[in-house]
All heavy atoms as atom14 arrays in JSON, in Angstrom:
{
  "sequence": "YKKRKDITNWFSVENEFATSMYSYVSEKPNMENIEALEDSQIFLMKR",
  "atom14_mask": [
    [1, 1, 1, 1, 1, 1, 1, 1, 1, 1, 1, 1, 0, 0],
    [1, 1, 1, 1, 1, 1, 1, 1, 1, 0, 0, 0, 0, 0],
    [1, 1, 1, 1, 1, 1, 1, 1, 1, 0, 0, 0, 0, 0],
    [1, 1, 1, 1, 1, 1, 1, 1, 1, 1, 1, 0, 0, 0],
    [1, 1, 1, 1, 1, 1, 1, 1, 1, 0, 0, 0, 0, 0],
    [1, 1, 1, 1, 1, 1, 1, 1, 0, 0, 0, 0, 0, 0],
    [1, 1, 1, 1, 1, 1, 1, 1, 0, 0, 0, 0, 0, 0],
    [1, 1, 1, 1, 1, 1, 1, 0, 0, 0, 0, 0, 0, 0],
    [1, 1, 1, 1, 1, 1, 1, 1, 0, 0, 0, 0, 0, 0],
    [1, 1, 1, 1, 1, 1, 1, 1, 1, 1, 1, 1, 1, 1],
    [1, 1, 1, 1, 1, 1, 1, 1, 1, 1, 1, 0, 0, 0],
    [1, 1, 1, 1, 1, 1, 0, 0, 0, 0, 0, 0, 0, 0],
    [1, 1, 1, 1, 1, 1, 1, 0, 0, 0, 0, 0, 0, 0],
    [1, 1, 1, 1, 1, 1, 1, 1, 1, 0, 0, 0, 0, 0],
    [1, 1, 1, 1, 1, 1, 1, 1, 0, 0, 0, 0, 0, 0],
    [1, 1, 1, 1, 1, 1, 1, 1, 1, 0, 0, 0, 0, 0],
    [1, 1, 1, 1, 1, 1, 1, 1, 1, 1, 1, 0, 0, 0],
    [1, 1, 1, 1, 1, 0, 0, 0, 0, 0, 0, 0, 0, 0],
    [1, 1, 1, 1, 1, 1, 1, 0, 0, 0, 0, 0, 0, 0],
    [1, 1, 1, 1, 1, 1, 0, 0, 0, 0, 0, 0, 0, 0],
    [1, 1, 1, 1, 1, 1, 1, 1, 0, 0, 0, 0, 0, 0],
    [1, 1, 1, 1, 1, 1, 1, 1, 1, 1, 1, 1, 0, 0],
    [1, 1, 1, 1, 1, 1, 0, 0, 0, 0, 0, 0, 0, 0],
    [1, 1, 1, 1, 1, 1, 1, 1, 1, 1, 1, 1, 0, 0],
    [1, 1, 1, 1, 1, 1, 1, 0, 0, 0, 0, 0, 0, 0],
    [1, 1, 1, 1, 1, 1, 0, 0, 0, 0, 0, 0, 0, 0],
    [1, 1, 1, 1, 1, 1, 1, 1, 1, 0, 0, 0, 0, 0],
    [1, 1, 1, 1, 1, 1, 1, 1, 1, 0, 0, 0, 0, 0],
    [1, 1, 1, 1, 1, 1, 1, 0, 0, 0, 0, 0, 0, 0],
    [1, 1, 1, 1, 1, 1, 1, 1, 0, 0, 0, 0, 0, 0],
    [1, 1, 1, 1, 1, 1, 1, 1, 0, 0, 0, 0, 0, 0],
    [1, 1, 1, 1, 1, 1, 1, 1, 1, 0, 0, 0, 0, 0],
    [1, 1, 1, 1, 1, 1, 1, 1, 0, 0, 0, 0, 0, 0],
    [1, 1, 1, 1, 1, 1, 1, 1, 0, 0, 0, 0, 0, 0],
    [1, 1, 1, 1, 1, 1, 1, 1, 1, 0, 0, 0, 0, 0],
    [1, 1, 1, 1, 1, 0, 0, 0, 0, 0, 0, 0, 0, 0],
    [1, 1, 1, 1, 1, 1, 1, 1, 0, 0, 0, 0, 0, 0],
    [1, 1, 1, 1, 1, 1, 1, 1, 1, 0, 0, 0, 0, 0],
    [1, 1, 1, 1, 1, 1, 1, 1, 0, 0, 0, 0, 0, 0],
    [1, 1, 1, 1, 1, 1, 0, 0, 0, 0, 0, 0, 0, 0],
    [1, 1, 1, 1, 1, 1, 1, 1, 1, 0, 0, 0, 0, 0],
    [1, 1, 1, 1, 1, 1, 1, 1, 0, 0, 0, 0, 0, 0],
    [1, 1, 1, 1, 1, 1, 1, 1, 1, 1, 1, 0, 0, 0],
    [1, 1, 1, 1, 1, 1, 1, 1, 0, 0, 0, 0, 0, 0],
    [1, 1, 1, 1, 1, 1, 1, 1, 0, 0, 0, 0, 0, 0],
    [1, 1, 1, 1, 1, 1, 1, 1, 1, 0, 0, 0, 0, 0],
    [1, 1, 1, 1, 1, 1, 1, 1, 1, 1, 1, 0, 0, 0]
  ],
  "atom14_positions": [
    [[6.49, -0.6, 10.08], [7.1, -0.23, 11.42], [8.38, -1.09, 11.58], [8.26, -2.34, 11.4], [6.19, -0.34, 12.56], [5.14, 0.78, 12.46], [3.85, 0.41, 12.04], [5.23, 1.92, 12.82], [2.86, 1.33, 12.04], [4.33, 2.99, 12.86], [3.03, 2.66, 12.41], [2.13, 3.53, 12.36], [0.0, 0.0, 0.0], [0.0, 0.0, 0.0]],
    [[9.52, -0.55, 11.9], [10.63, -1.24, 12.32], [11.19, -0.59, 13.6], [11.49, 0.64, 13.55], [11.71, -1.28, 11.2], [12.91, -2.09, 11.52], [13.81, -2.14, 10.31], [14.92, -2.99, 10.56], [15.85, -3.19, 9.41], [0.0, 0.0, 0.0], [0.0, 0.0, 0.0], [0.0, 0.0, 0.0], [0.0, 0.0, 0.0], [0.0, 0.0, 0.0]],
    [[11.37, -1.38, 14.66], [11.7, -0.82, 15.97], [11.01, 0.45, 16.33], [11.5, 1.48, 16.7], [13.24, -0.63, 15.93], [14.07, -1.88, 15.76], [15.52, -1.56, 15.73], [16.3, -2.83, 15.52], [17.71, -2.66, 15.43], [0.0, 0.0, 0.0], [0.0, 0.0, 0.0], [0.0, 0.0, 0.0], [0.0, 0.0, 0.0], [0.0, 0.0, 0.0]],
    [[9.63, 0.3, 16.14], [8.66, 1.45, 16.42], [8.85, 2.62, 15.56], [8.3, 3.72, 15.94], [8.9, 1.78, 17.98], [8.41, 0.67, 18.91], [8.27, 1.2, 20.24], [8.56, 0.12, 21.21], [8.85, 0.22, 22.4], [8.87, 1.42, 22.91], [9.1, -0.74, 23.17], [0.0, 0.0, 0.0], [0.0, 0.0, 0.0], [0.0, 0.0, 0.0]],
    [[9.66, 2.53, 14.52], [9.74, 3.64, 13.65], [9.0, 3.41, 12.36], [8.83, 2.35, 11.85], [11.25, 3.9, 13.12], [12.12, 4.38, 14.3], [13.57, 4.57, 13.83], [13.65, 5.96, 13.15], [15.0, 6.33, 12.87], [0.0, 0.0, 0.0], [0.0, 0.0, 0.0], [0.0, 0.0, 0.0], [0.0, 0.0, 0.0], [0.0, 0.0, 0.0]],
    [[8.24, 4.42, 11.96], [7.38, 4.41, 10.77], [8.37, 4.69, 9.6], [8.96, 5.64, 9.38], [6.39, 5.54, 10.92], [5.58, 5.81, 9.75], [5.98, 5.54, 8.56], [4.47, 6.37, 9.91], [0.0, 0.0, 0.0], [0.0, 0.0, 0.0], [0.0, 0.0, 0.0], [0.0, 0.0, 0.0], [0.0, 0.0, 0.0], [0.0, 0.0, 0.0]],
    [[8.46, 3.59, 8.71], [9.34, 3.59, 7.49], [8.49, 3.65, 6.23], [7.81, 2.62, 5.94], [10.33, 2.45, 7.61], [11.0, 2.52, 8.9], [11.27, 2.53, 6.38], [12.38, 2.04, 8.99], [0.0, 0.0, 0.0], [0.0, 0.0, 0.0], [0.0, 0.0, 0.0], [0.0, 0.0, 0.0], [0.0, 0.0, 0.0], [0.0, 0.0, 0.0]],
    [[8.49, 4.68, 5.45], [7.87, 4.77, 4.18], [8.77, 4.09, 3.12], [9.89, 4.37, 2.97], [7.59, 6.19, 3.76], [6.74, 6.82, 4.81], [6.89, 6.25, 2.37], [0.0, 0.0, 0.0], [0.0, 0.0, 0.0], [0.0, 0.0, 0.0], [0.0, 0.0, 0.0], [0.0, 0.0, 0.0], [0.0, 0.0, 0.0], [0.0, 0.0, 0.0]],
    [[8.21, 3.08, 2.41], [8.89, 2.43, 1.42], [8.39, 2.73, 0.0], [9.13, 2.37, -0.99], [9.02, 0.94, 1.6], [7.75, 0.2, 1.78], [6.74, 0.82, 2.18], [7.68, -1.03, 1.52], [0.0, 0.0, 0.0], [0.0, 0.0, 0.0], [0.0, 0.0, 0.0], [0.0, 0.0, 0.0], [0.0, 0.0, 0.0], [0.0, 0.0, 0.0]],
    [[7.3, 3.37, -0.23], [6.89, 3.8, -1.55], [5.8, 4.85, -1.5], [5.04, 4.9, -0.46], [6.51, 2.66, -2.47], [5.43, 1.77, -1.89], [5.58, 0.6, -1.32], [3.98, 2.03, -2.12], [4.36, 0.05, -0.98], [3.39, 0.95, -1.46], [3.25, 3.0, -2.56], [1.95, 0.85, -1.29], [1.86, 2.86, -2.47], [1.28, 1.8, -1.85]],
    [[5.7, 5.58, -2.63], [4.59, 6.55, -2.74], [3.96, 6.16, -4.13], [4.73, 5.8, -5.1], [5.08, 7.94, -2.86], [5.65, 8.56, -1.62], [6.95, 8.53, -1.44], [4.86, 8.95, -0.59], [7.57, 8.99, -0.2], [5.4, 9.5, 0.49], [6.7, 9.44, 0.79], [0.0, 0.0, 0.0], [0.0, 0.0, 0.0], [0.0, 0.0, 0.0]],
    [[2.65, 6.4, -4.34], [1.99, 6.21, -5.62], [1.12, 7.46, -5.8], [0.45, 7.87, -4.94], [1.15, 5.0, -5.69], [1.96, 3.82, -5.81], [0.0, 0.0, 0.0], [0.0, 0.0, 0.0], [0.0, 0.0, 0.0], [0.0, 0.0, 0.0], [0.0, 0.0, 0.0], [0.0, 0.0, 0.0], [0.0, 0.0, 0.0], [0.0, 0.0, 0.0]],
    [[1.22, 8.03, -7.03], [0.49, 9.16, -7.28], [-0.53, 9.0, -8.46], [-0.74, 7.82, -8.93], [1.5, 10.26, -7.85], [2.47, 10.63, -6.7], [2.28, 9.87, -8.94], [0.0, 0.0, 0.0], [0.0, 0.0, 0.0], [0.0, 0.0, 0.0], [0.0, 0.0, 0.0], [0.0, 0.0, 0.0], [0.0, 0.0, 0.0], [0.0, 0.0, 0.0]],
    [[-1.24, 10.04, -8.93], [-2.23, 10.05, -9.93], [-1.83, 9.09, -11.09], [-0.52, 9.3, -11.52], [-2.52, 11.4, -10.41], [-3.57, 11.56, -11.38], [-3.88, 13.02, -11.62], [-4.15, 13.78, -10.7], [-3.87, 13.4, -12.81], [0.0, 0.0, 0.0], [0.0, 0.0, 0.0], [0.0, 0.0, 0.0], [0.0, 0.0, 0.0], [0.0, 0.0, 0.0]],
    [[-2.68, 8.4, -11.59], [-2.37, 7.43, -12.81], [-1.41, 6.34, -12.55], [-0.8, 5.76, -13.52], [-2.01, 8.22, -13.99], [-3.16, 9.0, -14.53], [-4.46, 8.66, -14.47], [-2.8, 10.22, -14.98], [0.0, 0.0, 0.0], [0.0, 0.0, 0.0], [0.0, 0.0, 0.0], [0.0, 0.0, 0.0], [0.0, 0.0, 0.0], [0.0, 0.0, 0.0]],
    [[-1.23, 5.99, -11.25], [-0.43, 4.76, -10.93], [-1.19, 3.76, -10.16], [-2.19, 4.1, -9.5], [0.84, 5.29, -10.09], [1.86, 6.06, -10.8], [3.1, 6.44, -9.95], [3.03, 6.26, -8.71], [4.0, 6.89, -10.54], [0.0, 0.0, 0.0], [0.0, 0.0, 0.0], [0.0, 0.0, 0.0], [0.0, 0.0, 0.0], [0.0, 0.0, 0.0]],
    [[-0.68, 2.49, -10.2], [-1.26, 1.45, -9.37], [-0.59, 1.43, -8.02], [0.56, 1.83, -7.84], [-1.09, 0.12, -10.08], [-1.95, 0.07, -11.29], [-1.41, 0.29, -12.52], [-3.36, -0.3, -11.15], [-2.25, 0.12, -13.67], [-4.11, -0.42, -12.43], [-3.55, -0.2, -13.57], [0.0, 0.0, 0.0], [0.0, 0.0, 0.0], [0.0, 0.0, 0.0]],
    [[-1.29, 0.81, -6.99], [-0.72, 0.66, -5.7], [-1.29, -0.58, -5.03], [-2.57, -0.88, -5.32], [-0.91, 1.9, -4.78], [0.0, 0.0, 0.0], [0.0, 0.0, 0.0], [0.0, 0.0, 0.0], [0.0, 0.0, 0.0], [0.0, 0.0, 0.0], [0.0, 0.0, 0.0], [0.0, 0.0, 0.0], [0.0, 0.0, 0.0], [0.0, 0.0, 0.0]],
    [[-0.59, -1.37, -4.33], [-1.07, -2.51, -3.64], [0.13, -2.89, -2.71], [1.28, -2.47, -2.92], [-1.53, -3.64, -4.5], [-2.18, -4.6, -3.73], [-0.36, -4.3, -5.27], [0.0, 0.0, 0.0], [0.0, 0.0, 0.0], [0.0, 0.0, 0.0], [0.0, 0.0, 0.0], [0.0, 0.0, 0.0], [0.0, 0.0, 0.0], [0.0, 0.0, 0.0]],
    [[-0.13, -3.84, -1.82], [0.88, -4.49, -1.08], [1.17, -5.71, -1.95], [0.55, -6.83, -1.71], [0.46, -4.83, 0.28], [1.45, -5.57, 1.01], [0.0, 0.0, 0.0], [0.0, 0.0, 0.0], [0.0, 0.0, 0.0], [0.0, 0.0, 0.0], [0.0, 0.0, 0.0], [0.0, 0.0, 0.0], [0.0, 0.0, 0.0], [0.0, 0.0, 0.0]],
    [[2.14, -5.7, -2.78], [2.33, -6.64, -3.85], [2.61, -8.13, -3.24], [1.91, -9.01, -3.69], [3.46, -6.38, -4.75], [3.59, -7.2, -5.98], [2.14, -7.24, -7.01], [2.08, -5.64, -7.76], [0.0, 0.0, 0.0], [0.0, 0.0, 0.0], [0.0, 0.0, 0.0], [0.0, 0.0, 0.0], [0.0, 0.0, 0.0], [0.0, 0.0, 0.0]],
    [[3.47, -8.23, -2.25], [3.74, -9.52, -1.72], [2.43, -10.14, -1.23], [2.05, -11.32, -1.56], [4.76, -9.52, -0.65], [4.81, -10.7, 0.17], [5.57, -11.87, -0.38], [4.16, -10.88, 1.39], [5.67, -13.01, 0.34], [4.32, -12.11, 2.14], [5.01, -13.25, 1.51], [5.03, -14.4, 2.24], [0.0, 0.0, 0.0], [0.0, 0.0, 0.0]],
    [[1.68, -9.46, -0.42], [0.41, -9.99, 0.12], [-0.62, -10.25, -0.87], [-1.3, -11.18, -0.92], [-0.1, -9.01, 1.18], [-1.31, -9.51, 1.75], [0.0, 0.0, 0.0], [0.0, 0.0, 0.0], [0.0, 0.0, 0.0], [0.0, 0.0, 0.0], [0.0, 0.0, 0.0], [0.0, 0.0, 0.0], [0.0, 0.0, 0.0], [0.0, 0.0, 0.0]],
    [[-0.75, -9.35, -1.91], [-1.75, -9.35, -2.91], [-1.63, -10.74, -3.78], [-2.47, -11.43, -4.06], [-1.8, -8.18, -3.76], [-2.81, -8.09, -4.83], [-4.12, -7.74, -4.51], [-2.54, -8.35, -6.09], [-5.09, -7.68, -5.5], [-3.45, -8.28, -7.11], [-4.77, -7.88, -6.79], [-5.73, -7.74, -7.77], [0.0, 0.0, 0.0], [0.0, 0.0, 0.0]],
    [[-0.32, -11.0, -4.08], [-0.05, -12.15, -4.99], [0.05, -13.48, -4.08], [-0.46, -14.46, -4.55], [1.36, -11.9, -5.7], [1.82, -13.2, -6.33], [1.31, -10.74, -6.63], [0.0, 0.0, 0.0], [0.0, 0.0, 0.0], [0.0, 0.0, 0.0], [0.0, 0.0, 0.0], [0.0, 0.0, 0.0], [0.0, 0.0, 0.0], [0.0, 0.0, 0.0]],
    [[0.68, -13.39, -2.96], [0.8, -14.63, -2.23], [-0.42, -15.02, -1.27], [-0.49, -16.13, -0.79], [2.0, -14.48, -1.16], [1.71, -13.59, -0.19], [0.0, 0.0, 0.0], [0.0, 0.0, 0.0], [0.0, 0.0, 0.0], [0.0, 0.0, 0.0], [0.0, 0.0, 0.0], [0.0, 0.0, 0.0], [0.0, 0.0, 0.0], [0.0, 0.0, 0.0]],
    [[-1.31, -14.01, -1.08], [-2.47, -14.18, -0.27], [-2.11, -14.49, 1.19], [-2.75, -15.12, 2.0], [-3.45, -15.26, -0.72], [-4.0, -14.99, -2.09], [-4.94, -15.95, -2.65], [-5.8, -16.5, -1.79], [-4.91, -16.32, -3.82], [0.0, 0.0, 0.0], [0.0, 0.0, 0.0], [0.0, 0.0, 0.0], [0.0, 0.0, 0.0], [0.0, 0.0, 0.0]],
    [[-0.86, -13.93, 1.61], [-0.42, -14.01, 2.95], [-0.58, -12.6, 3.56], [-0.57, -11.7, 2.95], [1.12, -14.64, 2.98], [1.1, -15.99, 2.51], [2.54, -16.45, 2.53], [2.57, -17.98, 1.99], [3.9, -18.44, 1.94], [0.0, 0.0, 0.0], [0.0, 0.0, 0.0], [0.0, 0.0, 0.0], [0.0, 0.0, 0.0], [0.0, 0.0, 0.0]],
    [[-0.6, -12.67, 4.97], [-0.63, -11.39, 5.62], [0.52, -10.49, 5.2], [1.62, -10.98, 5.08], [-0.63, -11.69, 7.18], [-1.13, -13.08, 7.18], [-0.71, -13.69, 5.9], [0.0, 0.0, 0.0], [0.0, 0.0, 0.0], [0.0, 0.0, 0.0], [0.0, 0.0, 0.0], [0.0, 0.0, 0.0], [0.0, 0.0, 0.0], [0.0, 0.0, 0.0]],
    [[0.24, -9.25, 5.09], [1.25, -8.3, 4.64], [2.0, -7.63, 5.82], [1.4, -7.6, 6.92], [0.69, -7.25, 3.57], [0.0, -6.15, 4.18], [0.57, -5.27, 4.95], [-1.34, -6.05, 3.94], [0.0, 0.0, 0.0], [0.0, 0.0, 0.0], [0.0, 0.0, 0.0], [0.0, 0.0, 0.0], [0.0, 0.0, 0.0], [0.0, 0.0, 0.0]],
    [[3.11, -7.09, 5.56], [3.86, -6.38, 6.56], [3.78, -4.87, 6.5], [4.22, -4.16, 7.31], [5.5, -6.68, 6.42], [5.71, -8.16, 6.48], [5.27, -8.93, 8.08], [6.63, -8.18, 9.1], [0.0, 0.0, 0.0], [0.0, 0.0, 0.0], [0.0, 0.0, 0.0], [0.0, 0.0, 0.0], [0.0, 0.0, 0.0], [0.0, 0.0, 0.0]],
    [[3.06, -4.42, 5.46], [3.0, -2.97, 5.29], [1.6, -2.52, 5.43], [0.58, -3.21, 5.33], [3.69, -2.57, 3.98], [2.91, -2.93, 2.89], [3.6, -2.6, 1.49], [4.46, -1.79, 1.54], [3.21, -3.07, 0.46], [0.0, 0.0, 0.0], [0.0, 0.0, 0.0], [0.0, 0.0, 0.0], [0.0, 0.0, 0.0], [0.0, 0.0, 0.0]],
    [[1.43, -1.21, 5.59], [0.19, -0.48, 5.57], [0.14, 0.49, 4.37], [1.22, 0.82, 3.85], [0.12, 0.39, 6.82], [0.32, -0.31, 8.18], [-0.55, -0.93, 8.53], [1.52, -0.29, 8.64], [0.0, 0.0, 0.0], [0.0, 0.0, 0.0], [0.0, 0.0, 0.0], [0.0, 0.0, 0.0], [0.0, 0.0, 0.0], [0.0, 0.0, 0.0]],
    [[-1.06, 0.68, 3.88], [-1.17, 1.67, 2.8], [-2.24, 2.75, 3.32], [-3.24, 2.42, 3.88], [-1.71, 1.07, 1.56], [-0.85, -0.07, 1.04], [-2.05, 2.12, 0.44], [-1.25, -0.82, -0.19], [0.0, 0.0, 0.0], [0.0, 0.0, 0.0], [0.0, 0.0, 0.0], [0.0, 0.0, 0.0], [0.0, 0.0, 0.0], [0.0, 0.0, 0.0]],
    [[-1.78, 3.97, 3.2], [-2.66, 4.98, 3.61], [-2.66, 6.17, 2.63], [-1.71, 6.38, 1.8], [-2.17, 5.66, 5.01], [-1.13, 6.57, 4.97], [-0.83, 7.32, 6.28], [-1.78, 7.5, 7.0], [0.23, 7.67, 6.54], [0.0, 0.0, 0.0], [0.0, 0.0, 0.0], [0.0, 0.0, 0.0], [0.0, 0.0, 0.0], [0.0, 0.0, 0.0]],
    [[-3.77, 6.9, 2.56], [-3.87, 7.99, 1.81], [-3.24, 9.23, 2.46], [-3.52, 9.51, 3.68], [-5.37, 8.37, 1.59], [0.0, 0.0, 0.0], [0.0, 0.0, 0.0], [0.0, 0.0, 0.0], [0.0, 0.0, 0.0], [0.0, 0.0, 0.0], [0.0, 0.0, 0.0], [0.0, 0.0, 0.0], [0.0, 0.0, 0.0], [0.0, 0.0, 0.0]],
    [[-2.33, 9.91, 1.79], [-1.69, 11.06, 2.32], [-2.5, 12.4, 2.16], [-2.16, 13.42, 2.68], [-0.26, 11.3, 1.75], [0.77, 10.3, 2.17], [2.1, 10.41, 1.6], [0.86, 10.13, 3.77], [0.0, 0.0, 0.0], [0.0, 0.0, 0.0], [0.0, 0.0, 0.0], [0.0, 0.0, 0.0], [0.0, 0.0, 0.0], [0.0, 0.0, 0.0]],
    [[-3.41, 12.44, 1.2], [-4.32, 13.45, 1.02], [-5.7, 12.84, 0.53], [-5.72, 11.64, 0.21], [-3.8, 14.38, -0.03], [-3.42, 13.74, -1.41], [-2.69, 14.74, -2.37], [-1.87, 15.48, -1.89], [-2.98, 14.66, -3.53], [0.0, 0.0, 0.0], [0.0, 0.0, 0.0], [0.0, 0.0, 0.0], [0.0, 0.0, 0.0], [0.0, 0.0, 0.0]],
    [[-6.69, 13.69, 0.6], [-8.01, 13.23, 0.05], [-7.75, 12.68, -1.38], [-7.09, 13.31, -2.14], [-8.96, 14.29, -0.06], [-9.47, 14.68, 1.41], [-9.16, 14.12, 2.27], [-10.18, 15.68, 1.44], [0.0, 0.0, 0.0], [0.0, 0.0, 0.0], [0.0, 0.0, 0.0], [0.0, 0.0, 0.0], [0.0, 0.0, 0.0], [0.0, 0.0, 0.0]],
    [[-8.19, 11.42, -1.75], [-7.96, 10.82, -2.9], [-9.15, 10.23, -3.58], [-10.06, 9.78, -2.82], [-6.9, 9.66, -2.71], [-5.65, 10.23, -2.08], [0.0, 0.0, 0.0], [0.0, 0.0, 0.0], [0.0, 0.0, 0.0], [0.0, 0.0, 0.0], [0.0, 0.0, 0.0], [0.0, 0.0, 0.0], [0.0, 0.0, 0.0], [0.0, 0.0, 0.0]],
    [[-9.09, 10.06, -4.85], [-10.12, 9.31, -5.53], [-9.46, 8.14, -6.25], [-8.49, 8.29, -6.97], [-10.79, 10.07, -6.7], [-11.58, 11.32, -6.13], [-12.22, 12.13, -7.08], [-12.12, 11.92, -8.26], [-13.01, 13.19, -6.66], [0.0, 0.0, 0.0], [0.0, 0.0, 0.0], [0.0, 0.0, 0.0], [0.0, 0.0, 0.0], [0.0, 0.0, 0.0]],
    [[-9.95, 6.8, -5.95], [-9.21, 5.65, -6.39], [-10.26, 4.81, -6.96], [-11.48, 4.92, -6.73], [-8.43, 4.98, -5.28], [-9.43, 4.53, -4.15], [-7.35, 5.8, -4.73], [-8.8, 3.68, -3.07], [0.0, 0.0, 0.0], [0.0, 0.0, 0.0], [0.0, 0.0, 0.0], [0.0, 0.0, 0.0], [0.0, 0.0, 0.0], [0.0, 0.0, 0.0]],
    [[-9.8, 3.86, -7.73], [-10.51, 2.68, -8.26], [-9.76, 1.44, -7.68], [-8.6, 1.42, -7.6], [-10.55, 2.54, -9.75], [-11.3, 3.53, -10.47], [-10.88, 4.85, -10.73], [-12.65, 3.27, -10.79], [-11.61, 5.75, -11.38], [-13.47, 4.2, -11.47], [-13.03, 5.45, -11.64], [0.0, 0.0, 0.0], [0.0, 0.0, 0.0], [0.0, 0.0, 0.0]],
    [[-10.62, 0.5, -7.25], [-10.03, -0.67, -6.73], [-10.65, -1.9, -7.35], [-11.73, -1.88, -7.89], [-10.25, -0.85, -5.14], [-11.67, -0.97, -4.63], [-12.06, -2.51, -4.5], [-11.72, -0.28, -3.16], [0.0, 0.0, 0.0], [0.0, 0.0, 0.0], [0.0, 0.0, 0.0], [0.0, 0.0, 0.0], [0.0, 0.0, 0.0], [0.0, 0.0, 0.0]],
    [[-9.8, -3.01, -7.44], [-10.24, -4.18, -7.96], [-9.87, -5.34, -6.94], [-8.73, -5.33, -6.54], [-9.69, -4.52, -9.32], [-10.21, -5.91, -9.88], [-9.5, -6.39, -11.48], [-10.47, -5.31, -12.47], [0.0, 0.0, 0.0], [0.0, 0.0, 0.0], [0.0, 0.0, 0.0], [0.0, 0.0, 0.0], [0.0, 0.0, 0.0], [0.0, 0.0, 0.0]],
    [[-10.75, -6.05, -6.53], [-10.49, -7.13, -5.54], [-9.76, -8.23, -6.31], [-10.04, -8.62, -7.45], [-11.9, -7.7, -5.01], [-12.68, -6.68, -4.26], [-13.66, -7.17, -3.4], [-14.31, -6.14, -2.54], [-13.44, -5.59, -1.46], [0.0, 0.0, 0.0], [0.0, 0.0, 0.0], [0.0, 0.0, 0.0], [0.0, 0.0, 0.0], [0.0, 0.0, 0.0]],
    [[-8.89, -8.92, -5.6], [-8.02, -9.92, -6.06], [-8.99, -11.06, -6.7], [-8.71, -11.64, -7.7], [-7.11, -10.55, -4.97], [-6.17, -11.54, -5.61], [-5.2, -12.16, -4.6], [-6.05, -12.85, -3.6], [-5.95, -12.46, -2.34], [-5.16, -11.49, -1.93], [-6.68, -13.05, -1.44], [0.0, 0.0, 0.0], [0.0, 0.0, 0.0], [0.0, 0.0, 0.0]]
  ]
}
């Protein structure tokens, strides 16, 4: 969100990876949200 506007900065589709890279690597709170835009099946690995 920037000035109360919802700003999409990336999409990930089938056979791609997704994460909030800055937060995942730095272990600091992230500035972004990740949401499913449709029913999805994913695999996750904890850091």
